[in-house]
Amino acid sequence: KKFLKIKIKKSGNVIQNFIIHKNYSNDNYPYIHLYLDIANFPPVIDNENCLLVDFVSIKNPDYSYRLYNKSLDIYGEEFKNKILNILKSYDVKDIEVDKENEIIRIIFKDYSLYYSSLSDSFKLIFYSTLTLYSIKDGIICIEEPENYLDKFSVDFYIKNIVKSVEESNNQIFISINSIEFLKKLLEISKIENVDVKIYHLFKVGDRLKYNVYKEGFQEI
């Protein structure tokens, strides 16, 4: 499925126009292929440094299990401690791996839940947090996060994204339909001095076009 045609910028330079395609791995976790053109094979960039967060990825407990375990293998307990520190405002005390059932169990202050029993809002927060800190110098695509976030979580979620850009040098693409989410993203990004570019997509006849805004969205 075509996600969006974009320009990928690495090390301060625009490489080229790319087309993003989603890939749902049966034995790994969702990631993306980057093609120069719809007919271009193999993908120009096709590795685990290009990750996807969307409805399918947050709903499937297998994906969180695999991504968490792979990140532990790479970064060790430091990764777990980082995730716990980020999620402490949600009273998360521990993350347990049930190897027999291949699922994660979240230990909160007063109770525990398997990943499959979490709310959609917290699934998004947890899986996104894993994704944002499991790679460095990578590309992450997040699809319509505002559909699952409650009011309390919006600020937390955006700050997490901004922090990932600052600490891990990830380039993040977010498709959104919410002006409120966009306002908050611009507000927090400005405070943290993180560059944000807005692409407003619209159709003219049967063609998809876009405008680019760097400072704000008053004209949209």
C-alpha atoms as a PDB file:
ATOM      1  CA  LYS A   1       0.000   0.000   0.000  1.00  0.00           C
ATOM      2  CA  LYS A   2       1.380   3.380  -0.972  1.00  0.00           C
ATOM      3  CA  PHE A   3       1.766   5.594   2.093  1.00  0.00           C
ATOM      4  CA  LEU A   4       3.128   8.880   0.778  1.00  0.00           C
ATOM      5  CA  LYS A   5       5.638  10.270  -1.669  1.00  0.00           C
ATOM      6  CA  ILE A   6       8.272  12.210   0.253  1.00  0.00           C
ATOM      7  CA  LYS A   7      11.780  13.577   0.336  1.00  0.00           C
ATOM      8  CA  ILE A   8      14.089  11.749   2.723  1.00  0.00           C
ATOM      9  CA  LYS A   9      16.793  13.885   4.325  1.00  0.00           C
ATOM     10  CA  LYS A  10      19.852  12.214   5.814  1.00  0.00           C
ATOM     11  CA  SER A  11      22.868  14.022   7.277  1.00  0.00           C
ATOM     12  CA  GLY A  12      21.446  17.386   6.295  1.00  0.00           C
ATOM     13  CA  ASN A  13      21.065  16.549   2.599  1.00  0.00           C
ATOM     14  CA  VAL A  14      17.977  15.646   0.610  1.00  0.00           C
ATOM     15  CA  ILE A  15      18.689  12.333  -1.079  1.00  0.00           C
ATOM     16  CA  GLN A  16      15.748  12.048  -3.460  1.00  0.00           C
ATOM     17  CA  ASN A  17      12.000  11.681  -3.774  1.00  0.00           C
ATOM     18  CA  PHE A  18      10.798   8.367  -2.393  1.00  0.00           C
ATOM     19  CA  ILE A  19       7.574   6.407  -2.235  1.00  0.00           C
ATOM     20  CA  ILE A  20       6.860   4.680   1.082  1.00  0.00           C
ATOM     21  CA  HIS A  21       5.235   1.260   1.180  1.00  0.00           C
ATOM     22  CA  LYS A  22       4.050  -0.515   4.311  1.00  0.00           C
ATOM     23  CA  ASN A  23       5.354  -3.991   5.013  1.00  0.00           C
ATOM     24  CA  TYR A  24       3.786  -6.208   7.677  1.00  0.00           C
ATOM     25  CA  SER A  25       6.341  -8.882   8.507  1.00  0.00           C
ATOM     26  CA  ASN A  26       5.047 -12.263   9.668  1.00  0.00           C
ATOM     27  CA  ASP A  27       8.121 -13.005  11.761  1.00  0.00           C
ATOM     28  CA  ASN A  28       9.305  -9.533  12.748  1.00  0.00           C
ATOM     29  CA  TYR A  29       7.428  -6.219  13.112  1.00  0.00           C
ATOM     30  CA  PRO A  30       6.062  -3.584  10.705  1.00  0.00           C
ATOM     31  CA  TYR A  31       8.569  -1.565   8.761  1.00  0.00           C
ATOM     32  CA  ILE A  32       8.644   0.342   5.494  1.00  0.00           C
ATOM     33  CA  HIS A  33      10.176  -0.037   2.060  1.00  0.00           C
ATOM     34  CA  LEU A  34      11.422   3.082   0.301  1.00  0.00           C
ATOM     35  CA  TYR A  35      11.169   3.062  -3.486  1.00  0.00           C
ATOM     36  CA  LEU A  36      12.378   5.628  -5.987  1.00  0.00           C
ATOM     37  CA  ASP A  37       9.386   4.705  -8.101  1.00  0.00           C
ATOM     38  CA  ILE A  38       6.430   2.319  -7.945  1.00  0.00           C
ATOM     39  CA  ALA A  39       8.201   0.029 -10.421  1.00  0.00           C
ATOM     40  CA  ASN A  40      11.603   0.244  -8.749  1.00  0.00           C
ATOM     41  CA  PHE A  41      12.781  -3.087  -7.290  1.00  0.00           C
ATOM     42  CA  PRO A  42      14.453  -3.875  -4.986  1.00  0.00           C
ATOM     43  CA  PRO A  43      13.746  -1.036  -2.557  1.00  0.00           C
ATOM     44  CA  VAL A  44      16.426   1.643  -2.352  1.00  0.00           C
ATOM     45  CA  ILE A  45      16.241   1.546   1.435  1.00  0.00           C
ATOM     46  CA  ASP A  46      14.865  -1.628   2.997  1.00  0.00           C
ATOM     47  CA  ASN A  47      16.083  -2.235   6.521  1.00  0.00           C
ATOM     48  CA  GLU A  48      14.949  -2.329  10.119  1.00  0.00           C
ATOM     49  CA  ASN A  49      15.894   1.322  10.570  1.00  0.00           C
ATOM     50  CA  CYS A  50      12.685   2.302   8.773  1.00  0.00           C
ATOM     51  CA  LEU A  51       9.765   1.567  11.103  1.00  0.00           C
ATOM     52  CA  LEU A  52       5.989   1.986  10.998  1.00  0.00           C
ATOM     53  CA  VAL A  53       3.440   2.805  13.702  1.00  0.00           C
ATOM     54  CA  ASP A  54      -0.200   2.425  12.644  1.00  0.00           C
ATOM     55  CA  PHE A  55      -3.453   0.704  13.635  1.00  0.00           C
ATOM     56  CA  VAL A  56      -2.247  -2.758  12.595  1.00  0.00           C
ATOM     57  CA  SER A  57       1.095  -2.515  14.405  1.00  0.00           C
ATOM     58  CA  ILE A  58      -0.329  -1.333  17.730  1.00  0.00           C
ATOM     59  CA  LYS A  59      -3.118  -3.929  17.738  1.00  0.00           C
ATOM     60  CA  ASN A  60      -0.873  -6.959  17.226  1.00  0.00           C
ATOM     61  CA  PRO A  61       0.811  -8.093  20.492  1.00  0.00           C
ATOM     62  CA  ASP A  62       3.378 -10.113  18.500  1.00  0.00           C
ATOM     63  CA  TYR A  63       4.919  -6.931  17.111  1.00  0.00           C
ATOM     64  CA  SER A  64       5.516  -5.307  20.500  1.00  0.00           C
ATOM     65  CA  TYR A  65       6.944  -8.582  21.812  1.00  0.00           C
ATOM     66  CA  ARG A  66       9.438  -8.919  18.956  1.00  0.00           C
ATOM     67  CA  LEU A  67      10.461  -5.256  18.861  1.00  0.00           C
ATOM     68  CA  TYR A  68      10.990  -5.127  22.633  1.00  0.00           C
ATOM     69  CA  ASN A  69      13.066  -8.327  22.685  1.00  0.00           C
ATOM     70  CA  LYS A  70      15.187  -7.282  19.725  1.00  0.00           C
ATOM     71  CA  SER A  71      15.859  -3.891  21.353  1.00  0.00           C
ATOM     72  CA  LEU A  72      16.862  -5.642  24.592  1.00  0.00           C
ATOM     73  CA  ASP A  73      19.291  -7.801  22.606  1.00  0.00           C
ATOM     74  CA  ILE A  74      20.859  -4.690  21.074  1.00  0.00           C
ATOM     75  CA  TYR A  75      20.860  -2.233  23.992  1.00  0.00           C
ATOM     76  CA  GLY A  76      20.466  -4.493  27.042  1.00  0.00           C
ATOM     77  CA  GLU A  77      18.840  -3.423  30.302  1.00  0.00           C
ATOM     78  CA  GLU A  78      19.600   0.209  29.482  1.00  0.00           C
ATOM     79  CA  PHE A  79      16.768   0.086  26.931  1.00  0.00           C
ATOM     80  CA  LYS A  80      14.291  -1.332  29.439  1.00  0.00           C
ATOM     81  CA  ASN A  81      15.231   1.296  32.039  1.00  0.00           C
ATOM     82  CA  LYS A  82      14.816   4.062  29.488  1.00  0.00           C
ATOM     83  CA  ILE A  83      11.322   2.877  28.531  1.00  0.00           C
ATOM     84  CA  LEU A  84      10.345   2.536  32.206  1.00  0.00           C
ATOM     85  CA  ASN A  85      11.619   6.029  32.949  1.00  0.00           C
ATOM     86  CA  ILE A  86       9.604   7.481  30.047  1.00  0.00           C
ATOM     87  CA  LEU A  87       6.412   5.657  31.088  1.00  0.00           C
ATOM     88  CA  LYS A  88       6.637   6.386  34.822  1.00  0.00           C
ATOM     89  CA  SER A  89       3.954   9.084  34.540  1.00  0.00           C
ATOM     90  CA  TYR A  90       1.556   6.215  33.708  1.00  0.00           C
ATOM     91  CA  ASP A  91       2.619   4.358  36.889  1.00  0.00           C
ATOM     92  CA  VAL A  92       4.433   1.665  34.915  1.00  0.00           C
ATOM     93  CA  LYS A  93       6.746  -0.172  37.299  1.00  0.00           C
ATOM     94  CA  ASP A  94       8.047  -3.042  35.182  1.00  0.00           C
ATOM     95  CA  ILE A  95       7.851  -4.781  31.812  1.00  0.00           C
ATOM     96  CA  GLU A  96       7.805  -8.574  31.856  1.00  0.00           C
ATOM     97  CA  VAL A  97       8.324 -10.915  28.922  1.00  0.00           C
ATOM     98  CA  ASP A  98       6.134 -14.011  28.896  1.00  0.00           C
ATOM     99  CA  LYS A  99       8.280 -16.229  26.675  1.00  0.00           C
ATOM    100  CA  GLU A 100       5.910 -19.185  26.826  1.00  0.00           C
ATOM    101  CA  ASN A 101       2.998 -17.175  25.378  1.00  0.00           C
ATOM    102  CA  GLU A 102       5.224 -14.692  23.498  1.00  0.00           C
ATOM    103  CA  ILE A 103       3.562 -11.611  24.914  1.00  0.00           C
ATOM    104  CA  ILE A 104       4.522  -8.626  27.055  1.00  0.00           C
ATOM    105  CA  ARG A 105       2.969  -7.968  30.445  1.00  0.00           C
ATOM    106  CA  ILE A 106       2.955  -4.427  31.811  1.00  0.00           C
ATOM    107  CA  ILE A 107       3.265  -4.101  35.593  1.00  0.00           C
ATOM    108  CA  PHE A 108       1.524  -0.977  36.873  1.00  0.00           C
ATOM    109  CA  LYS A 109       1.556   0.344  40.432  1.00  0.00           C
ATOM    110  CA  ASP A 110      -1.583  -1.531  41.556  1.00  0.00           C
ATOM    111  CA  TYR A 111      -2.185  -4.140  38.848  1.00  0.00           C
ATOM    112  CA  SER A 112      -0.737  -5.777  35.728  1.00  0.00           C
ATOM    113  CA  LEU A 113      -2.066  -6.369  32.210  1.00  0.00           C
ATOM    114  CA  TYR A 114      -0.991  -8.341  29.195  1.00  0.00           C
ATOM    115  CA  TYR A 115      -0.433  -6.190  26.123  1.00  0.00           C
ATOM    116  CA  SER A 116      -3.603  -7.508  24.448  1.00  0.00           C
ATOM    117  CA  SER A 117      -5.708  -6.194  27.377  1.00  0.00           C
ATOM    118  CA  LEU A 118      -4.344  -2.629  27.295  1.00  0.00           C
ATOM    119  CA  SER A 119      -6.428   0.262  26.012  1.00  0.00           C
ATOM    120  CA  ASP A 120      -5.801   1.350  22.414  1.00  0.00           C
ATOM    121  CA  SER A 121      -4.431   4.637  23.737  1.00  0.00           C
ATOM    122  CA  PHE A 122      -1.809   2.961  25.899  1.00  0.00           C
ATOM    123  CA  LYS A 123      -0.969   0.419  23.197  1.00  0.00           C
ATOM    124  CA  LEU A 124      -0.147   3.326  20.906  1.00  0.00           C
ATOM    125  CA  ILE A 125       1.945   5.019  23.590  1.00  0.00           C
ATOM    126  CA  PHE A 126       3.827   1.846  24.490  1.00  0.00           C
ATOM    127  CA  TYR A 127       4.480   0.627  20.940  1.00  0.00           C
ATOM    128  CA  SER A 128       5.423   4.124  19.744  1.00  0.00           C
ATOM    129  CA  THR A 129       7.853   4.530  22.650  1.00  0.00           C
ATOM    130  CA  LEU A 130       9.505   1.215  21.760  1.00  0.00           C
ATOM    131  CA  THR A 131       9.742   2.318  18.125  1.00  0.00           C
ATOM    132  CA  LEU A 132      11.068   5.812  18.830  1.00  0.00           C
ATOM    133  CA  TYR A 133      13.957   4.546  20.954  1.00  0.00           C
ATOM    134  CA  SER A 134      14.731   1.214  19.271  1.00  0.00           C
ATOM    135  CA  ILE A 135      16.528   2.851  16.331  1.00  0.00           C
ATOM    136  CA  LYS A 136      18.925   5.734  15.736  1.00  0.00           C
ATOM    137  CA  ASP A 137      19.425   7.787  12.562  1.00  0.00           C
ATOM    138  CA  GLY A 138      16.282   6.099  11.280  1.00  0.00           C
ATOM    139  CA  ILE A 139      13.001   6.908   9.594  1.00  0.00           C
ATOM    140  CA  ILE A 140       9.695   6.421  11.427  1.00  0.00           C
ATOM    141  CA  CYS A 141       6.212   6.781   9.928  1.00  0.00           C
ATOM    142  CA  ILE A 142       3.292   7.312  12.319  1.00  0.00           C
ATOM    143  CA  GLU A 143      -0.241   7.146  10.976  1.00  0.00           C
ATOM    144  CA  GLU A 144      -3.012   9.263  12.559  1.00  0.00           C
ATOM    145  CA  PRO A 145      -2.007   8.946  16.245  1.00  0.00           C
ATOM    146  CA  GLU A 146      -4.759  11.373  17.281  1.00  0.00           C
ATOM    147  CA  ASN A 147      -7.340   8.628  16.631  1.00  0.00           C
ATOM    148  CA  TYR A 148      -6.237   6.730  19.739  1.00  0.00           C
ATOM    149  CA  LEU A 149      -4.909   9.330  22.171  1.00  0.00           C
ATOM    150  CA  ASP A 150      -6.882  10.720  25.096  1.00  0.00           C
ATOM    151  CA  LYS A 151      -6.427  14.374  26.111  1.00  0.00           C
ATOM    152  CA  PHE A 152      -3.865  13.640  28.805  1.00  0.00           C
ATOM    153  CA  SER A 153      -1.709  11.645  26.413  1.00  0.00           C
ATOM    154  CA  VAL A 154      -1.372  14.139  23.526  1.00  0.00           C
ATOM    155  CA  ASP A 155       1.292  16.328  25.210  1.00  0.00           C
ATOM    156  CA  PHE A 156       3.169  13.267  26.461  1.00  0.00           C
ATOM    157  CA  TYR A 157       3.102  11.649  23.014  1.00  0.00           C
ATOM    158  CA  ILE A 158       4.361  14.723  21.163  1.00  0.00           C
ATOM    159  CA  LYS A 159       7.133  15.362  23.706  1.00  0.00           C
ATOM    160  CA  ASN A 160       8.209  11.757  23.209  1.00  0.00           C
ATOM    161  CA  ILE A 161       8.418  12.271  19.443  1.00  0.00           C
ATOM    162  CA  VAL A 162      10.418  15.486  19.822  1.00  0.00           C
ATOM    163  CA  LYS A 163      12.778  13.818  22.298  1.00  0.00           C
ATOM    164  CA  SER A 164      13.414  10.979  19.842  1.00  0.00           C
ATOM    165  CA  VAL A 165      14.375  13.492  17.153  1.00  0.00           C
ATOM    166  CA  GLU A 166      16.778  15.218  19.545  1.00  0.00           C
ATOM    167  CA  GLU A 167      18.347  12.127  21.118  1.00  0.00           C
ATOM    168  CA  SER A 168      18.264   9.554  18.331  1.00  0.00           C
ATOM    169  CA  ASN A 169      18.397  11.809  15.263  1.00  0.00           C
ATOM    170  CA  ASN A 170      15.359  10.070  13.774  1.00  0.00           C
ATOM    171  CA  GLN A 171      13.368  11.641  10.962  1.00  0.00           C
ATOM    172  CA  ILE A 172       9.651  11.237  11.660  1.00  0.00           C
ATOM    173  CA  PHE A 173       6.703  11.488   9.278  1.00  0.00           C
ATOM    174  CA  ILE A 174       3.234  11.832  10.846  1.00  0.00           C
ATOM    175  CA  SER A 175      -0.051  11.797   8.961  1.00  0.00           C
ATOM    176  CA  ILE A 176      -2.686  13.687  10.969  1.00  0.00           C
ATOM    177  CA  ASN A 177      -6.190  15.107  10.535  1.00  0.00           C
ATOM    178  CA  SER A 178      -6.351  17.052  13.793  1.00  0.00           C
ATOM    179  CA  ILE A 179      -5.636  20.798  13.938  1.00  0.00           C
ATOM    180  CA  GLU A 180      -5.383  20.550  17.752  1.00  0.00           C
ATOM    181  CA  PHE A 181      -2.658  17.904  17.470  1.00  0.00           C
ATOM    182  CA  LEU A 182      -0.846  20.030  14.897  1.00  0.00           C
ATOM    183  CA  LYS A 183      -1.007  23.131  17.101  1.00  0.00           C
ATOM    184  CA  LYS A 184       0.468  21.223  20.025  1.00  0.00           C
ATOM    185  CA  LEU A 185       3.175  19.680  17.836  1.00  0.00           C
ATOM    186  CA  LEU A 186       4.243  23.113  16.574  1.00  0.00           C
ATOM    187  CA  GLU A 187       4.141  24.591  20.079  1.00  0.00           C
ATOM    188  CA  ILE A 188       6.330  21.907  21.661  1.00  0.00           C
ATOM    189  CA  SER A 189       8.696  21.695  18.686  1.00  0.00           C
ATOM    190  CA  LYS A 190       9.267  25.445  18.780  1.00  0.00           C
ATOM    191  CA  ILE A 191      10.147  25.337  22.494  1.00  0.00           C
ATOM    192  CA  GLU A 192      12.604  22.475  21.889  1.00  0.00           C
ATOM    193  CA  ASN A 193      13.968  24.051  18.679  1.00  0.00           C
ATOM    194  CA  VAL A 194      13.087  21.015  16.539  1.00  0.00           C
ATOM    195  CA  ASP A 195      12.425  21.603  12.847  1.00  0.00           C
ATOM    196  CA  VAL A 196       8.877  20.816  11.661  1.00  0.00           C
ATOM    197  CA  LYS A 197       7.621  21.014   8.107  1.00  0.00           C
ATOM    198  CA  ILE A 198       3.892  20.759   7.315  1.00  0.00           C
ATOM    199  CA  TYR A 199       2.663  19.196   4.077  1.00  0.00           C
ATOM    200  CA  HIS A 200      -0.991  20.013   3.387  1.00  0.00           C
ATOM    201  CA  LEU A 201      -2.302  17.396   0.933  1.00  0.00           C
ATOM    202  CA  PHE A 202      -5.287  18.090  -1.296  1.00  0.00           C
ATOM    203  CA  LYS A 203      -6.793  16.825  -4.533  1.00  0.00           C
ATOM    204  CA  VAL A 204      -7.159  18.761  -7.767  1.00  0.00           C
ATOM    205  CA  GLY A 205      -9.236  16.623 -10.088  1.00  0.00           C
ATOM    206  CA  ASP A 206      -7.710  13.159  -9.879  1.00  0.00           C
ATOM    207  CA  ARG A 207      -4.242  14.400  -8.878  1.00  0.00           C
ATOM    208  CA  LEU A 208      -2.873  14.693  -5.346  1.00  0.00           C
ATOM    209  CA  LYS A 209      -1.059  17.972  -4.691  1.00  0.00           C
ATOM    210  CA  TYR A 210       0.473  19.593  -1.623  1.00  0.00           C
ATOM    211  CA  ASN A 211       1.578  22.886  -0.102  1.00  0.00           C
ATOM    212  CA  VAL A 212       4.517  23.168   2.305  1.00  0.00           C
ATOM    213  CA  TYR A 213       4.458  25.348   5.426  1.00  0.00           C
ATOM    214  CA  LYS A 214       7.485  25.880   7.651  1.00  0.00           C
ATOM    215  CA  GLU A 215       6.284  28.421  10.215  1.00  0.00           C
ATOM    216  CA  GLY A 216       2.621  27.677  10.823  1.00  0.00           C
ATOM    217  CA  PHE A 217      -0.678  26.698   9.307  1.00  0.00           C
ATOM    218  CA  GLN A 218      -2.790  29.892   9.360  1.00  0.00           C
ATOM    219  CA  GLU A 219      -3.071  29.793   5.575  1.00  0.00           C
ATOM    220  CA  ILE A 220      -4.272  26.183   5.370  1.00  0.00           C
END
